[in-house]
Amino acid sequence: MSNKLDRYDQAVRQIAASGTSTDRWVTVVRDEGGELSVRIERGGLRHLNEEQLAAEIRSALLAAVAAHQTAWIRIRREFFGNSLDWPDTVAGEPS
């Protein structure tokens, strides 16, 4: 039988999250197995130049990270409550 920390670790590893770019050309998905996929909407490669595509990918990745972080915080609180003195932001990210 697994202990609470093992169950927490398993729950965190299974977080699925996704994010869509600012102009909705790109979607990034992290599945429950931790695999990442990037989908560019039809016409995106024709419509966007290199800098715009890079910005779209970056904003989609940041949105996916934010969604993952939100899920992680929820799981952390479910397992440990609010008693731990952990920040609700990822190191290096603006709060």
N, C-alpha and C. Protein backbone atom coordinates (compact mmCIF):
# COMPACT_ATOMS: atom_id res chain seq x y z
N MET A 1 0.84 -1.18 0.00
CA MET A 1 0.00 0.00 0.00
C MET A 1 0.88 1.24 0.00
N SER A 2 0.55 2.17 -0.85
CA SER A 2 1.38 3.36 -0.96
C SER A 2 1.02 4.37 0.13
N ASN A 3 2.01 5.13 0.51
CA ASN A 3 1.74 6.15 1.52
C ASN A 3 1.26 7.43 0.85
N LYS A 4 0.94 8.42 1.66
CA LYS A 4 0.38 9.67 1.17
C LYS A 4 1.33 10.37 0.20
N LEU A 5 2.62 10.37 0.51
CA LEU A 5 3.59 11.03 -0.36
C LEU A 5 3.68 10.34 -1.73
N ASP A 6 3.61 9.01 -1.74
CA ASP A 6 3.61 8.28 -3.01
C ASP A 6 2.36 8.62 -3.84
N ARG A 7 1.21 8.70 -3.19
CA ARG A 7 -0.03 9.03 -3.90
C ARG A 7 0.03 10.46 -4.44
N TYR A 8 0.60 11.36 -3.64
CA TYR A 8 0.77 12.75 -4.08
C TYR A 8 1.68 12.80 -5.31
N ASP A 9 2.82 12.12 -5.22
CA ASP A 9 3.77 12.10 -6.33
C ASP A 9 3.11 11.55 -7.60
N GLN A 10 2.35 10.50 -7.47
CA GLN A 10 1.66 9.91 -8.61
C GLN A 10 0.64 10.89 -9.20
N ALA A 11 -0.10 11.57 -8.34
CA ALA A 11 -1.10 12.53 -8.81
C ALA A 11 -0.45 13.68 -9.56
N VAL A 12 0.69 14.16 -9.06
CA VAL A 12 1.39 15.26 -9.72
C VAL A 12 1.93 14.80 -11.08
N ARG A 13 2.49 13.60 -11.13
CA ARG A 13 3.04 13.11 -12.41
C ARG A 13 1.95 12.91 -13.45
N GLN A 14 0.71 12.74 -13.04
CA GLN A 14 -0.38 12.48 -13.98
C GLN A 14 -1.16 13.74 -14.36
N ILE A 15 -0.66 14.89 -13.98
CA ILE A 15 -1.37 16.12 -14.34
C ILE A 15 -1.38 16.30 -15.86
N ALA A 16 -2.55 16.50 -16.40
CA ALA A 16 -2.70 16.86 -17.81
C ALA A 16 -3.02 18.35 -17.86
N ALA A 17 -2.40 19.06 -18.77
CA ALA A 17 -2.63 20.50 -18.88
C ALA A 17 -2.46 20.94 -20.32
N SER A 18 -3.13 22.03 -20.66
CA SER A 18 -2.98 22.56 -22.01
C SER A 18 -3.03 24.08 -21.96
N GLY A 19 -2.50 24.67 -23.02
CA GLY A 19 -2.52 26.12 -23.14
C GLY A 19 -2.62 26.51 -24.59
N THR A 20 -3.32 27.60 -24.82
CA THR A 20 -3.50 28.11 -26.18
C THR A 20 -2.83 29.48 -26.28
N SER A 21 -2.23 29.73 -27.40
CA SER A 21 -1.49 30.98 -27.61
C SER A 21 -2.42 32.19 -27.64
N THR A 22 -1.80 33.34 -27.52
CA THR A 22 -2.52 34.60 -27.46
C THR A 22 -3.48 34.79 -28.63
N ASP A 23 -3.01 34.51 -29.83
CA ASP A 23 -3.86 34.68 -31.01
C ASP A 23 -4.49 33.37 -31.48
N ARG A 24 -4.41 32.34 -30.63
CA ARG A 24 -5.09 31.06 -30.82
C ARG A 24 -4.58 30.23 -32.01
N TRP A 25 -3.36 30.50 -32.47
CA TRP A 25 -2.79 29.72 -33.57
C TRP A 25 -2.16 28.42 -33.09
N VAL A 26 -1.72 28.39 -31.82
CA VAL A 26 -0.95 27.25 -31.31
C VAL A 26 -1.56 26.76 -30.00
N THR A 27 -1.62 25.44 -29.86
CA THR A 27 -2.04 24.81 -28.61
C THR A 27 -0.97 23.82 -28.19
N VAL A 28 -0.61 23.87 -26.91
CA VAL A 28 0.35 22.92 -26.33
C VAL A 28 -0.41 22.09 -25.31
N VAL A 29 -0.23 20.77 -25.38
CA VAL A 29 -0.90 19.86 -24.46
C VAL A 29 0.14 18.96 -23.80
N ARG A 30 0.03 18.83 -22.47
CA ARG A 30 0.81 17.85 -21.71
C ARG A 30 -0.18 16.79 -21.28
N ASP A 31 0.01 15.56 -21.76
CA ASP A 31 -0.93 14.50 -21.40
C ASP A 31 -0.56 13.90 -20.04
N GLU A 32 -1.38 12.98 -19.56
CA GLU A 32 -1.18 12.39 -18.24
C GLU A 32 0.11 11.60 -18.13
N GLY A 33 0.71 11.25 -19.25
CA GLY A 33 1.98 10.54 -19.24
C GLY A 33 3.18 11.48 -19.28
N GLY A 34 2.92 12.78 -19.38
CA GLY A 34 3.99 13.76 -19.41
C GLY A 34 4.46 14.14 -20.80
N GLU A 35 3.86 13.54 -21.83
CA GLU A 35 4.24 13.86 -23.21
C GLU A 35 3.66 15.20 -23.62
N LEU A 36 4.46 15.97 -24.34
CA LEU A 36 4.00 17.25 -24.85
C LEU A 36 3.68 17.15 -26.34
N SER A 37 2.63 17.83 -26.74
CA SER A 37 2.33 17.93 -28.16
C SER A 37 2.02 19.40 -28.46
N VAL A 38 2.36 19.80 -29.68
CA VAL A 38 2.14 21.17 -30.14
C VAL A 38 1.30 21.08 -31.40
N ARG A 39 0.17 21.80 -31.40
CA ARG A 39 -0.69 21.82 -32.58
C ARG A 39 -0.74 23.25 -33.11
N ILE A 40 -0.44 23.40 -34.38
CA ILE A 40 -0.54 24.69 -35.06
C ILE A 40 -1.77 24.64 -35.94
N GLU A 41 -2.63 25.61 -35.77
CA GLU A 41 -3.88 25.64 -36.53
C GLU A 41 -3.59 25.73 -38.02
N ARG A 42 -4.48 25.19 -38.80
CA ARG A 42 -4.36 25.22 -40.26
C ARG A 42 -4.20 26.66 -40.74
N GLY A 43 -3.23 26.88 -41.56
CA GLY A 43 -2.94 28.21 -42.10
C GLY A 43 -1.92 28.98 -41.27
N GLY A 44 -1.60 28.48 -40.09
CA GLY A 44 -0.68 29.18 -39.21
C GLY A 44 0.71 29.35 -39.79
N LEU A 45 1.21 28.33 -40.45
CA LEU A 45 2.55 28.42 -41.03
C LEU A 45 2.60 29.38 -42.21
N ARG A 46 1.50 29.53 -42.91
CA ARG A 46 1.44 30.49 -44.02
C ARG A 46 1.22 31.91 -43.50
N HIS A 47 0.41 32.03 -42.47
CA HIS A 47 0.00 33.34 -41.97
C HIS A 47 1.06 34.02 -41.10
N LEU A 48 1.80 33.24 -40.32
CA LEU A 48 2.74 33.79 -39.35
C LEU A 48 4.17 33.78 -39.87
N ASN A 49 4.92 34.84 -39.57
CA ASN A 49 6.34 34.81 -39.88
C ASN A 49 7.07 34.10 -38.72
N GLU A 50 8.37 33.95 -38.81
CA GLU A 50 9.13 33.21 -37.80
C GLU A 50 8.96 33.79 -36.40
N GLU A 51 9.05 35.09 -36.27
CA GLU A 51 8.95 35.74 -34.97
C GLU A 51 7.56 35.57 -34.38
N GLN A 52 6.55 35.71 -35.22
CA GLN A 52 5.17 35.55 -34.74
C GLN A 52 4.91 34.12 -34.31
N LEU A 53 5.40 33.16 -35.09
CA LEU A 53 5.21 31.75 -34.72
C LEU A 53 5.92 31.44 -33.41
N ALA A 54 7.14 31.94 -33.26
CA ALA A 54 7.87 31.73 -32.01
C ALA A 54 7.11 32.33 -30.82
N ALA A 55 6.56 33.53 -31.00
CA ALA A 55 5.79 34.17 -29.94
C ALA A 55 4.53 33.38 -29.61
N GLU A 56 3.88 32.83 -30.63
CA GLU A 56 2.68 32.02 -30.41
C GLU A 56 3.02 30.73 -29.65
N ILE A 57 4.11 30.08 -30.03
CA ILE A 57 4.53 28.86 -29.33
C ILE A 57 4.87 29.18 -27.88
N ARG A 58 5.60 30.27 -27.67
CA ARG A 58 5.97 30.67 -26.31
C ARG A 58 4.73 30.95 -25.47
N SER A 59 3.78 31.69 -26.01
CA SER A 59 2.60 32.02 -25.20
C SER A 59 1.76 30.77 -24.91
N ALA A 60 1.71 29.83 -25.84
CA ALA A 60 0.99 28.58 -25.58
C ALA A 60 1.70 27.76 -24.51
N LEU A 61 3.03 27.71 -24.58
CA LEU A 61 3.79 26.99 -23.55
C LEU A 61 3.59 27.61 -22.18
N LEU A 62 3.64 28.93 -22.10
CA LEU A 62 3.43 29.61 -20.82
C LEU A 62 2.02 29.35 -20.28
N ALA A 63 1.03 29.32 -21.16
CA ALA A 63 -0.33 29.02 -20.73
C ALA A 63 -0.45 27.58 -20.22
N ALA A 64 0.24 26.64 -20.88
CA ALA A 64 0.23 25.25 -20.42
C ALA A 64 0.92 25.12 -19.08
N VAL A 65 2.03 25.82 -18.90
CA VAL A 65 2.74 25.79 -17.61
C VAL A 65 1.84 26.36 -16.51
N ALA A 66 1.14 27.44 -16.81
CA ALA A 66 0.24 28.03 -15.82
C ALA A 66 -0.89 27.07 -15.46
N ALA A 67 -1.44 26.38 -16.44
CA ALA A 67 -2.50 25.40 -16.17
C ALA A 67 -1.96 24.25 -15.33
N HIS A 68 -0.75 23.80 -15.63
CA HIS A 68 -0.13 22.73 -14.86
C HIS A 68 0.10 23.19 -13.42
N GLN A 69 0.59 24.41 -13.27
CA GLN A 69 0.86 24.95 -11.94
C GLN A 69 -0.44 25.04 -11.12
N THR A 70 -1.51 25.49 -11.75
CA THR A 70 -2.80 25.58 -11.06
C THR A 70 -3.26 24.21 -10.58
N ALA A 71 -3.11 23.20 -11.44
CA ALA A 71 -3.48 21.84 -11.06
C ALA A 71 -2.59 21.32 -9.93
N TRP A 72 -1.29 21.62 -10.02
CA TRP A 72 -0.35 21.18 -8.98
C TRP A 72 -0.70 21.80 -7.63
N ILE A 73 -1.02 23.09 -7.63
CA ILE A 73 -1.38 23.76 -6.38
C ILE A 73 -2.64 23.13 -5.79
N ARG A 74 -3.63 22.84 -6.64
CA ARG A 74 -4.86 22.21 -6.17
C ARG A 74 -4.57 20.86 -5.54
N ILE A 75 -3.75 20.05 -6.20
CA ILE A 75 -3.39 18.73 -5.67
C ILE A 75 -2.62 18.87 -4.37
N ARG A 76 -1.67 19.78 -4.35
CA ARG A 76 -0.88 20.00 -3.14
C ARG A 76 -1.78 20.35 -1.96
N ARG A 77 -2.75 21.22 -2.20
CA ARG A 77 -3.67 21.61 -1.12
C ARG A 77 -4.58 20.45 -0.71
N GLU A 78 -5.00 19.64 -1.68
CA GLU A 78 -5.84 18.47 -1.35
C GLU A 78 -5.09 17.51 -0.43
N PHE A 79 -3.81 17.30 -0.70
CA PHE A 79 -3.02 16.35 0.08
C PHE A 79 -2.50 16.93 1.39
N PHE A 80 -2.11 18.19 1.39
CA PHE A 80 -1.41 18.75 2.54
C PHE A 80 -2.09 19.96 3.15
N GLY A 81 -3.17 20.44 2.57
CA GLY A 81 -3.84 21.62 3.08
C GLY A 81 -3.04 22.87 2.81
N ASN A 82 -3.41 23.93 3.48
CA ASN A 82 -2.72 25.21 3.30
C ASN A 82 -1.67 25.44 4.36
N SER A 83 -1.38 24.43 5.15
CA SER A 83 -0.48 24.62 6.29
C SER A 83 0.99 24.73 5.88
N LEU A 84 1.34 24.24 4.70
CA LEU A 84 2.73 24.33 4.27
C LEU A 84 3.03 25.72 3.75
N ASP A 85 4.19 26.20 4.06
CA ASP A 85 4.58 27.55 3.64
C ASP A 85 5.23 27.49 2.27
N TRP A 86 4.46 27.07 1.25
CA TRP A 86 4.94 27.00 -0.12
C TRP A 86 4.31 28.12 -0.92
N PRO A 87 5.08 28.73 -1.81
CA PRO A 87 4.50 29.78 -2.65
C PRO A 87 3.54 29.19 -3.66
N ASP A 88 2.62 30.00 -4.15
CA ASP A 88 1.68 29.57 -5.17
C ASP A 88 2.15 29.92 -6.57
N THR A 89 3.47 30.15 -6.72
CA THR A 89 4.04 30.43 -8.04
C THR A 89 5.27 29.56 -8.22
N VAL A 90 5.63 29.34 -9.46
CA VAL A 90 6.83 28.59 -9.79
C VAL A 90 8.02 29.53 -9.74
N ALA A 91 9.14 29.06 -9.21
CA ALA A 91 10.34 29.90 -9.13
C ALA A 91 10.68 30.45 -10.50
N GLY A 92 10.99 31.72 -10.55
CA GLY A 92 11.38 32.35 -11.81
C GLY A 92 10.22 32.91 -12.60
N GLU A 93 8.99 32.58 -12.22
CA GLU A 93 7.82 33.11 -12.91
C GLU A 93 7.28 34.31 -12.15
N PRO A 94 6.75 35.27 -12.85
CA PRO A 94 6.16 36.41 -12.15
C PRO A 94 4.92 35.98 -11.37
N SER A 95 4.69 36.60 -10.25
CA SER A 95 3.52 36.23 -9.45
C SER A 95 2.34 37.12 -9.73
